Amino acid sequence: MTAPRPSSPLLRSSEQRRGDPVLNARVAVVVGNPKPRSRTYESALTLADRLGGADLVVDLADHAPELFDWDSSTVTDLVEQVAGSLVVIVASPTYKATYTGLLKAFLDRFPHQGLGAVAAIPLMLGASPAHSLAPELGLRQVLVELGASVPTRALYVLDAEHAEPAAYDAWFATAQQHLPTLPTAPETRQVVSA
């Protein structure tokens, strides 16, 4: 069963999530586009659907002011949830040949080896093929530095093709064998959008 795409942000507190399997999301999505519900967001969810759907969606545009407040319990909670996932798709539009400052601010919140138990998939969107190495040369490196396993090559999708299944097909055909085997999603899986 593919999880429905979240239509509005929902953040549950640690107390509400205690004992909840969503705390250890199978697939988490982190979107670093400053525009909410962007093409980057849609692309990341499309990729998550290929993995059985996202259990946790963090659209950083919803939390931009809090990212720079080191006392923000909301951001701290999001960091903990992402670090507890099995797979995280980290998505960004290409800005100046690299990922956004918004995404960088979120990733800066993780401690050394903070993604040590997580398999990460770097995903970037861009206007032309000229920046197709950006996710491999930039985003992959920071995820590895945070301790994540990055078992596949990064995925670069052209903005104009983000809604086309073919934009993901070739990548998924080669990447699927390298991704961790995910537990079967429960029938009553709840999607948490943060």
Protein backbone atom coordinates (compact mmCIF):
# COMPACT_ATOMS: atom_id res chain seq x y z
CA MET A 1 0.00 0.00 0.00
CA THR A 2 1.43 3.35 -1.01
CA ALA A 3 1.02 6.04 1.60
CA PRO A 4 -1.07 9.03 0.61
CA ARG A 5 0.80 12.22 -0.04
CA PRO A 6 0.43 14.55 2.89
CA SER A 7 -1.73 17.57 2.16
CA SER A 8 -0.87 19.60 5.21
CA PRO A 9 1.96 19.63 7.73
CA LEU A 10 1.46 17.61 10.89
CA LEU A 11 3.98 17.41 13.67
CA ARG A 12 3.40 15.20 16.64
CA SER A 13 5.35 15.69 19.83
CA SER A 14 7.72 13.10 21.23
CA GLU A 15 5.12 12.18 23.85
CA GLN A 16 2.50 11.57 21.17
CA ARG A 17 4.92 9.41 19.16
CA ARG A 18 6.28 7.31 22.02
CA GLY A 19 6.02 3.66 21.00
CA ASP A 20 4.81 4.67 17.55
CA PRO A 21 6.47 2.89 14.62
CA VAL A 22 6.59 6.18 12.73
CA LEU A 23 9.40 7.24 15.07
CA ASN A 24 11.52 4.77 13.11
CA ALA A 25 10.28 5.71 9.66
CA ARG A 26 10.99 3.27 6.91
CA VAL A 27 11.42 6.09 4.41
CA ALA A 28 11.90 9.73 5.35
CA VAL A 29 11.99 12.63 2.92
CA VAL A 30 13.78 15.93 3.58
CA VAL A 31 13.12 18.71 1.07
CA GLY A 32 15.40 21.74 1.05
CA ASN A 33 13.52 23.96 -1.38
CA PRO A 34 12.63 27.39 0.08
CA LYS A 35 9.29 27.18 -1.78
CA PRO A 36 6.73 24.96 0.00
CA ARG A 37 5.26 21.99 -1.91
CA SER A 38 7.70 22.61 -4.75
CA ARG A 39 8.71 20.50 -7.74
CA THR A 40 11.54 19.24 -5.52
CA TYR A 41 8.93 18.11 -2.98
CA GLU A 42 6.92 16.35 -5.68
CA SER A 43 10.04 14.70 -7.10
CA ALA A 44 11.14 13.43 -3.68
CA LEU A 45 7.69 11.95 -3.03
CA THR A 46 7.70 10.32 -6.46
CA LEU A 47 10.99 8.65 -5.59
CA ALA A 48 9.67 7.68 -2.14
CA ASP A 49 6.67 6.06 -3.81
CA ARG A 50 9.11 3.78 -5.65
CA LEU A 51 10.34 2.64 -2.23
CA GLY A 52 6.85 2.01 -0.85
CA GLY A 53 5.93 5.55 0.20
CA ALA A 54 7.22 8.10 2.69
CA ASP A 55 6.46 7.68 6.38
CA LEU A 56 7.96 11.06 7.27
CA VAL A 57 8.05 14.17 5.07
CA VAL A 58 10.01 17.21 6.21
CA ASP A 59 9.42 20.21 3.95
CA LEU A 60 12.03 22.62 5.32
CA ALA A 61 10.19 25.63 3.86
CA ASP A 62 7.69 25.11 6.67
CA HIS A 63 10.45 25.46 9.28
CA ALA A 64 12.81 28.04 7.76
CA PRO A 65 12.83 30.55 10.66
CA GLU A 66 13.28 27.76 13.25
CA LEU A 67 16.33 26.30 11.51
CA PHE A 68 18.45 29.13 12.85
CA ASP A 69 17.07 28.86 16.39
CA TRP A 70 19.33 26.31 18.07
CA ASP A 71 16.81 26.01 20.92
CA SER A 72 13.98 24.94 18.59
CA SER A 73 12.52 21.73 19.95
CA THR A 74 10.64 21.27 16.67
CA VAL A 75 13.83 21.15 14.62
CA THR A 76 15.54 18.97 17.21
CA ASP A 77 12.60 16.54 17.00
CA LEU A 78 12.78 16.51 13.19
CA VAL A 79 16.51 15.76 13.32
CA GLU A 80 15.85 12.84 15.68
CA GLN A 81 13.08 11.48 13.47
CA VAL A 82 15.21 11.65 10.32
CA ALA A 83 18.18 10.06 12.13
CA GLY A 84 15.87 7.22 13.21
CA SER A 85 14.72 6.39 9.68
CA LEU A 86 15.97 3.46 7.63
CA VAL A 87 16.23 5.41 4.36
CA VAL A 88 16.19 9.15 3.85
CA ILE A 89 15.73 10.91 0.53
CA VAL A 90 17.48 14.28 0.79
CA ALA A 91 16.24 16.57 -1.97
CA SER A 92 17.21 20.05 -3.10
CA PRO A 93 16.94 22.23 -6.15
CA THR A 94 20.29 23.15 -7.68
CA TYR A 95 21.35 26.60 -6.46
CA LYS A 96 24.70 27.96 -7.69
CA ALA A 97 25.74 24.41 -8.68
CA THR A 98 25.03 22.99 -5.20
CA TYR A 99 22.21 22.41 -2.71
CA THR A 100 20.33 25.18 -0.88
CA GLY A 101 21.40 27.00 2.26
CA LEU A 102 18.10 25.92 3.81
CA LEU A 103 19.11 22.29 3.47
CA LYS A 104 22.63 23.06 4.71
CA ALA A 105 21.18 24.72 7.83
CA PHE A 106 19.14 21.59 8.58
CA LEU A 107 22.04 19.21 7.97
CA ASP A 108 24.23 21.33 10.25
CA ARG A 109 21.94 20.31 13.12
CA PHE A 110 23.06 16.67 12.92
CA PRO A 111 25.96 15.70 15.16
CA HIS A 112 29.05 13.90 13.86
CA GLN A 113 27.90 10.51 12.53
CA GLY A 114 24.31 11.62 13.21
CA LEU A 115 23.09 9.67 10.17
CA GLY A 116 25.26 6.66 10.95
CA ALA A 117 22.44 4.10 10.77
CA VAL A 118 20.67 5.60 7.76
CA ALA A 119 20.89 4.88 4.03
CA ALA A 120 20.65 8.19 2.18
CA ILE A 121 19.62 8.98 -1.37
CA PRO A 122 20.78 12.39 -2.65
CA LEU A 123 18.28 13.92 -5.10
CA MET A 124 18.63 17.25 -6.87
CA LEU A 125 16.59 19.02 -9.53
CA GLY A 126 18.00 21.47 -12.03
CA ALA A 127 17.16 23.39 -15.18
CA SER A 128 19.83 21.83 -17.41
CA PRO A 129 22.10 18.81 -17.59
CA ALA A 130 25.07 21.14 -16.95
CA HIS A 131 24.73 20.58 -13.18
CA SER A 132 24.02 16.85 -13.27
CA LEU A 133 27.06 16.10 -11.11
CA ALA A 134 25.97 18.50 -8.35
CA PRO A 135 24.23 15.86 -6.20
CA GLU A 136 27.16 13.47 -6.56
CA LEU A 137 29.89 16.01 -5.87
CA GLY A 138 28.16 18.10 -3.21
CA LEU A 139 25.16 16.55 -1.52
CA ARG A 140 26.54 13.01 -1.39
CA GLN A 141 29.71 14.28 0.31
CA VAL A 142 27.92 16.00 3.19
CA LEU A 143 25.68 12.97 3.76
CA VAL A 144 28.72 10.69 3.93
CA GLU A 145 30.39 13.15 6.30
CA LEU A 146 27.34 12.80 8.57
CA GLY A 147 27.84 9.04 8.58
CA ALA A 148 25.08 8.03 6.17
CA SER A 149 25.53 5.09 3.88
CA VAL A 150 24.97 6.25 0.30
CA PRO A 151 24.68 2.90 -1.50
CA THR A 152 23.60 4.28 -4.89
CA ARG A 153 24.69 7.04 -7.19
CA ALA A 154 22.90 10.32 -6.63
CA LEU A 155 19.86 11.16 -8.73
CA TYR A 156 19.64 14.34 -10.80
CA VAL A 157 16.29 15.17 -12.41
CA LEU A 158 15.62 17.97 -14.87
CA ASP A 159 12.92 20.36 -13.66
CA ALA A 160 10.98 19.92 -16.88
CA GLU A 161 10.94 16.14 -16.43
CA HIS A 162 10.22 15.90 -12.70
CA ALA A 163 6.69 14.56 -13.26
CA GLU A 164 7.75 11.97 -15.84
CA PRO A 165 8.22 8.38 -14.61
CA ALA A 166 11.05 7.92 -17.12
CA ALA A 167 13.12 10.47 -15.17
CA TYR A 168 13.35 7.91 -12.34
CA ASP A 169 13.18 4.59 -14.21
CA ALA A 170 16.83 4.15 -15.25
CA TRP A 171 18.13 5.26 -11.85
CA PHE A 172 15.77 2.98 -9.99
CA ALA A 173 16.55 -0.03 -12.21
CA THR A 174 20.22 0.11 -11.24
CA ALA A 175 19.83 1.46 -7.69
CA GLN A 176 17.16 -0.93 -6.44
CA GLN A 177 19.59 -3.81 -5.91
CA HIS A 178 21.83 -1.62 -3.73
CA LEU A 179 19.12 -0.21 -1.48
CA PRO A 180 18.40 -1.84 1.88
CA THR A 181 15.50 -4.24 2.10
CA LEU A 182 12.73 -2.39 3.85
CA PRO A 183 10.24 -4.04 6.15
CA THR A 184 6.75 -4.37 4.79
CA ALA A 185 4.68 -1.33 5.58
CA PRO A 186 1.78 -2.00 7.93
CA GLU A 187 -1.66 -1.69 6.39
CA THR A 188 -2.53 1.15 8.74
CA ARG A 189 0.69 3.07 8.24
CA GLN A 190 0.35 6.70 9.16
CA VAL A 191 2.14 9.40 7.23
CA VAL A 192 3.64 12.14 9.33
CA SER A 193 4.40 15.32 7.48
CA ALA A 194 6.54 17.69 9.38
